[in-house]
Amino acid sequence: MKTLSELNQIKESKQAQVNLREENFGLVKVKVSMGTCGIAAGAREVVKAILNEARKDNLHNIQIFQTPCMGKCDLEPVVEIHYPGKDVITYVHVKPEMSERIIKETVLNGTVIEEFTK
């Protein structure tokens, strides 16, 4: 950084990133049910696998949340994908090995993986 102009450009760029986080504009939200029943069914391993996959793909347009029980105990682990302005995609009986497809097909491309919804 050599000039005040360069400093201002950096400031504006960083401020835009902060605003994006604060407003959650355009972010895909991935929610993993982590109630007692979800944890017993393997949700802890699922959330770790999803986090690892998102890191591996260096994703910045995604937020991953652990939520309390969603009331779907017989379907745990449950993962919901929330796109701004679209219907929620719900995957049930999720296993860690499903995380790669969830990230690559659903989060990145918006494709619903039908066999994960049953």
C-alpha atoms as a PDB file:
ATOM      1  CA  MET A   1       0.000   0.000   0.000  1.00  0.00           C
ATOM      2  CA  LYS A   2       1.566   3.219  -1.147  1.00  0.00           C
ATOM      3  CA  THR A   3      -1.186   5.796  -1.426  1.00  0.00           C
ATOM      4  CA  LEU A   4      -4.271   7.033   0.350  1.00  0.00           C
ATOM      5  CA  SER A   5      -6.276   5.930  -2.678  1.00  0.00           C
ATOM      6  CA  GLU A   6      -5.079   2.337  -2.269  1.00  0.00           C
ATOM      7  CA  LEU A   7      -5.970   2.452   1.422  1.00  0.00           C
ATOM      8  CA  ASN A   8      -9.475   3.680   0.598  1.00  0.00           C
ATOM      9  CA  GLN A   9      -9.933   0.866  -1.956  1.00  0.00           C
ATOM     10  CA  ILE A  10      -8.944  -1.702   0.656  1.00  0.00           C
ATOM     11  CA  LYS A  11     -11.292  -0.109   3.183  1.00  0.00           C
ATOM     12  CA  GLU A  12     -14.232  -0.189   0.738  1.00  0.00           C
ATOM     13  CA  SER A  13     -13.552  -3.799  -0.180  1.00  0.00           C
ATOM     14  CA  LYS A  14     -13.401  -4.904   3.460  1.00  0.00           C
ATOM     15  CA  GLN A  15     -16.490  -2.865   4.366  1.00  0.00           C
ATOM     16  CA  ALA A  16     -18.434  -4.606   1.578  1.00  0.00           C
ATOM     17  CA  GLN A  17     -17.438  -7.976   3.051  1.00  0.00           C
ATOM     18  CA  VAL A  18     -18.578  -6.910   6.529  1.00  0.00           C
ATOM     19  CA  ASN A  19     -21.895  -5.622   5.164  1.00  0.00           C
ATOM     20  CA  LEU A  20     -22.429  -8.884   3.328  1.00  0.00           C
ATOM     21  CA  ARG A  21     -22.028 -10.841   6.553  1.00  0.00           C
ATOM     22  CA  GLU A  22     -24.230  -8.539   8.572  1.00  0.00           C
ATOM     23  CA  GLU A  23     -27.076  -8.503   6.054  1.00  0.00           C
ATOM     24  CA  ASN A  24     -26.730 -12.188   5.111  1.00  0.00           C
ATOM     25  CA  PHE A  25     -27.436 -11.056   1.569  1.00  0.00           C
ATOM     26  CA  GLY A  26     -27.021 -13.845  -0.942  1.00  0.00           C
ATOM     27  CA  LEU A  27     -25.733 -16.376   1.550  1.00  0.00           C
ATOM     28  CA  VAL A  28     -26.790 -19.987   1.388  1.00  0.00           C
ATOM     29  CA  LYS A  29     -27.585 -21.244   4.882  1.00  0.00           C
ATOM     30  CA  VAL A  30     -27.026 -24.885   5.778  1.00  0.00           C
ATOM     31  CA  LYS A  31     -28.720 -25.933   9.000  1.00  0.00           C
ATOM     32  CA  VAL A  32     -27.916 -29.213  10.725  1.00  0.00           C
ATOM     33  CA  SER A  33     -30.300 -30.351  13.448  1.00  0.00           C
ATOM     34  CA  MET A  34     -28.218 -30.938  16.568  1.00  0.00           C
ATOM     35  CA  GLY A  35     -30.798 -31.824  19.182  1.00  0.00           C
ATOM     36  CA  THR A  36     -30.194 -34.862  21.349  1.00  0.00           C
ATOM     37  CA  CYS A  37     -31.874 -37.157  18.840  1.00  0.00           C
ATOM     38  CA  GLY A  38     -29.850 -35.684  15.962  1.00  0.00           C
ATOM     39  CA  ILE A  39     -26.579 -36.113  17.817  1.00  0.00           C
ATOM     40  CA  ALA A  40     -27.500 -39.703  18.715  1.00  0.00           C
ATOM     41  CA  ALA A  41     -28.228 -40.368  15.022  1.00  0.00           C
ATOM     42  CA  GLY A  42     -24.824 -39.009  13.913  1.00  0.00           C
ATOM     43  CA  ALA A  43     -25.415 -35.276  13.295  1.00  0.00           C
ATOM     44  CA  ARG A  44     -22.097 -34.326  14.902  1.00  0.00           C
ATOM     45  CA  GLU A  45     -20.196 -36.271  12.235  1.00  0.00           C
ATOM     46  CA  VAL A  46     -22.464 -34.833   9.516  1.00  0.00           C
ATOM     47  CA  VAL A  47     -21.793 -31.215  10.499  1.00  0.00           C
ATOM     48  CA  LYS A  48     -18.042 -31.915  10.639  1.00  0.00           C
ATOM     49  CA  ALA A  49     -18.144 -33.463   7.156  1.00  0.00           C
ATOM     50  CA  ILE A  50     -20.130 -30.527   5.727  1.00  0.00           C
ATOM     51  CA  LEU A  51     -17.723 -28.016   7.309  1.00  0.00           C
ATOM     52  CA  ASN A  52     -14.721 -29.912   5.917  1.00  0.00           C
ATOM     53  CA  GLU A  53     -16.261 -30.074   2.445  1.00  0.00           C
ATOM     54  CA  ALA A  54     -17.073 -26.341   2.489  1.00  0.00           C
ATOM     55  CA  ARG A  55     -13.492 -25.545   3.582  1.00  0.00           C
ATOM     56  CA  LYS A  56     -12.064 -27.828   0.921  1.00  0.00           C
ATOM     57  CA  ASP A  57     -14.083 -25.977  -1.745  1.00  0.00           C
ATOM     58  CA  ASN A  58     -13.150 -22.604  -0.176  1.00  0.00           C
ATOM     59  CA  LEU A  59     -16.779 -21.466  -0.085  1.00  0.00           C
ATOM     60  CA  HIS A  60     -17.582 -17.928   1.039  1.00  0.00           C
ATOM     61  CA  ASN A  61     -21.278 -17.726   0.175  1.00  0.00           C
ATOM     62  CA  ILE A  62     -22.338 -20.245   2.793  1.00  0.00           C
ATOM     63  CA  GLN A  63     -23.189 -20.188   6.485  1.00  0.00           C
ATOM     64  CA  ILE A  64     -23.364 -23.449   8.393  1.00  0.00           C
ATOM     65  CA  PHE A  65     -25.505 -23.535  11.519  1.00  0.00           C
ATOM     66  CA  GLN A  66     -26.141 -26.077  14.222  1.00  0.00           C
ATOM     67  CA  THR A  67     -29.778 -25.818  15.247  1.00  0.00           C
ATOM     68  CA  PRO A  68     -31.744 -27.276  18.128  1.00  0.00           C
ATOM     69  CA  CYS A  69     -34.176 -30.107  17.479  1.00  0.00           C
ATOM     70  CA  MET A  70     -36.335 -29.510  14.400  1.00  0.00           C
ATOM     71  CA  GLY A  71     -39.012 -31.942  15.623  1.00  0.00           C
ATOM     72  CA  LYS A  72     -38.225 -34.579  13.015  1.00  0.00           C
ATOM     73  CA  CYS A  73     -36.655 -37.131  15.348  1.00  0.00           C
ATOM     74  CA  ASP A  74     -37.421 -40.159  13.190  1.00  0.00           C
ATOM     75  CA  LEU A  75     -35.683 -38.514  10.202  1.00  0.00           C
ATOM     76  CA  GLU A  76     -32.432 -37.463  11.915  1.00  0.00           C
ATOM     77  CA  PRO A  77     -29.864 -36.338  11.033  1.00  0.00           C
ATOM     78  CA  VAL A  78     -31.738 -33.579   9.171  1.00  0.00           C
ATOM     79  CA  VAL A  79     -30.017 -30.947   7.017  1.00  0.00           C
ATOM     80  CA  GLU A  80     -31.841 -27.937   5.590  1.00  0.00           C
ATOM     81  CA  ILE A  81     -30.520 -25.776   2.766  1.00  0.00           C
ATOM     82  CA  HIS A  82     -31.895 -22.218   2.666  1.00  0.00           C
ATOM     83  CA  TYR A  83     -31.442 -20.147  -0.491  1.00  0.00           C
ATOM     84  CA  PRO A  84     -32.554 -16.516  -0.238  1.00  0.00           C
ATOM     85  CA  GLY A  85     -36.068 -16.202  -1.647  1.00  0.00           C
ATOM     86  CA  LYS A  86     -36.519 -19.924  -2.401  1.00  0.00           C
ATOM     87  CA  ASP A  87     -38.159 -22.925  -0.757  1.00  0.00           C
ATOM     88  CA  VAL A  88     -36.137 -24.791   1.860  1.00  0.00           C
ATOM     89  CA  ILE A  89     -34.511 -28.038   0.731  1.00  0.00           C
ATOM     90  CA  THR A  90     -34.646 -30.683   3.478  1.00  0.00           C
ATOM     91  CA  TYR A  91     -32.445 -33.776   3.489  1.00  0.00           C
ATOM     92  CA  VAL A  92     -33.112 -36.601   5.929  1.00  0.00           C
ATOM     93  CA  HIS A  93     -31.131 -39.539   7.319  1.00  0.00           C
ATOM     94  CA  VAL A  94     -27.977 -37.672   6.259  1.00  0.00           C
ATOM     95  CA  LYS A  95     -24.662 -39.469   6.565  1.00  0.00           C
ATOM     96  CA  PRO A  96     -21.189 -37.843   6.486  1.00  0.00           C
ATOM     97  CA  GLU A  97     -20.416 -39.406   3.099  1.00  0.00           C
ATOM     98  CA  MET A  98     -23.375 -37.462   1.615  1.00  0.00           C
ATOM     99  CA  SER A  99     -21.734 -34.104   2.415  1.00  0.00           C
ATOM    100  CA  GLU A 100     -19.716 -33.856  -0.798  1.00  0.00           C
ATOM    101  CA  ARG A 101     -22.833 -34.183  -2.958  1.00  0.00           C
ATOM    102  CA  ILE A 102     -24.763 -31.782  -0.726  1.00  0.00           C
ATOM    103  CA  ILE A 103     -22.085 -29.112  -1.145  1.00  0.00           C
ATOM    104  CA  LYS A 104     -21.296 -29.679  -4.823  1.00  0.00           C
ATOM    105  CA  GLU A 105     -24.780 -30.374  -6.168  1.00  0.00           C
ATOM    106  CA  THR A 106     -27.103 -28.449  -3.869  1.00  0.00           C
ATOM    107  CA  VAL A 107     -25.128 -25.596  -2.326  1.00  0.00           C
ATOM    108  CA  LEU A 108     -23.072 -24.773  -5.420  1.00  0.00           C
ATOM    109  CA  ASN A 109     -25.554 -25.665  -8.162  1.00  0.00           C
ATOM    110  CA  GLY A 110     -28.984 -25.505  -6.524  1.00  0.00           C
ATOM    111  CA  THR A 111     -29.856 -29.067  -7.557  1.00  0.00           C
ATOM    112  CA  VAL A 112     -32.169 -31.036  -5.265  1.00  0.00           C
ATOM    113  CA  ILE A 113     -30.871 -34.566  -4.656  1.00  0.00           C
ATOM    114  CA  GLU A 114     -34.185 -36.419  -4.617  1.00  0.00           C
ATOM    115  CA  GLU A 115     -32.903 -39.599  -2.927  1.00  0.00           C
ATOM    116  CA  PHE A 116     -31.724 -37.527   0.074  1.00  0.00           C
ATOM    117  CA  THR A 117     -35.249 -36.175   0.663  1.00  0.00           C
ATOM    118  CA  LYS A 118     -36.835 -39.563   1.475  1.00  0.00           C
END
